Amino acid sequence: MARLMPKRMMMIEGRQLGFYYRPTPDGKRILLGGRDSSRVGDPAAPKLFLRRGLVNLFPELENVRLSHTWFGNVAMHRDMLPRIFEKDGVVYATGFCGSGVVWAPWIGTRAAHKLLGHGEQARTAFDFRPPAFIPLYRGNPWFMPAIIQGYRMQDRIALYRARR
């Protein structure tokens, strides 16, 4: 770890579909995340995708075994902003856009203050209206593969421009 991540800090790539990683608190493992857009198919695909990303970042880890993997859906709003809002008497803290580990505890605490009527403690810059309705969306994100392909294209264009 001293050689791979000497500052022991969270790191992220600048690509739309980049990876983010940091050492565990004990400094013995690397936590790595990224978007693979899996929706159907081989359940091992997300793990293999992250494994390739890890090896691309740290080639010396090619023979190191992964100890844990997980994947799941990510709550996102079209404006990519987390938010707290109330609808039909229910307070929501949503849309962490893949950054729930960072945002959820803080925004969730503010949502709890809102529920308890604690006025000033409940106020945040994330108090918004409910997110806008997405036409033709009924809970199955059928459009995500196209969005991910758009992000991949943006990354390719940026890489091409950087190499020129």
Foldseek 3Di string as FASTA:
>chain_A
DCVLCVVQDWDWDPAPFTKIWGADPVRPDIDIDTDDPDDDDDPCVVVVVRLVNVCVSPVVCNPPDDDDDDDDDAFAAPVQAFAWEDDPRDIDTTHPPPPCVPPVVQLVQLSVCVVVVVPPSNDDPRYDYPGDDDPPDDPRPPVVVVVVVVSVVVRVVVVVVVVD
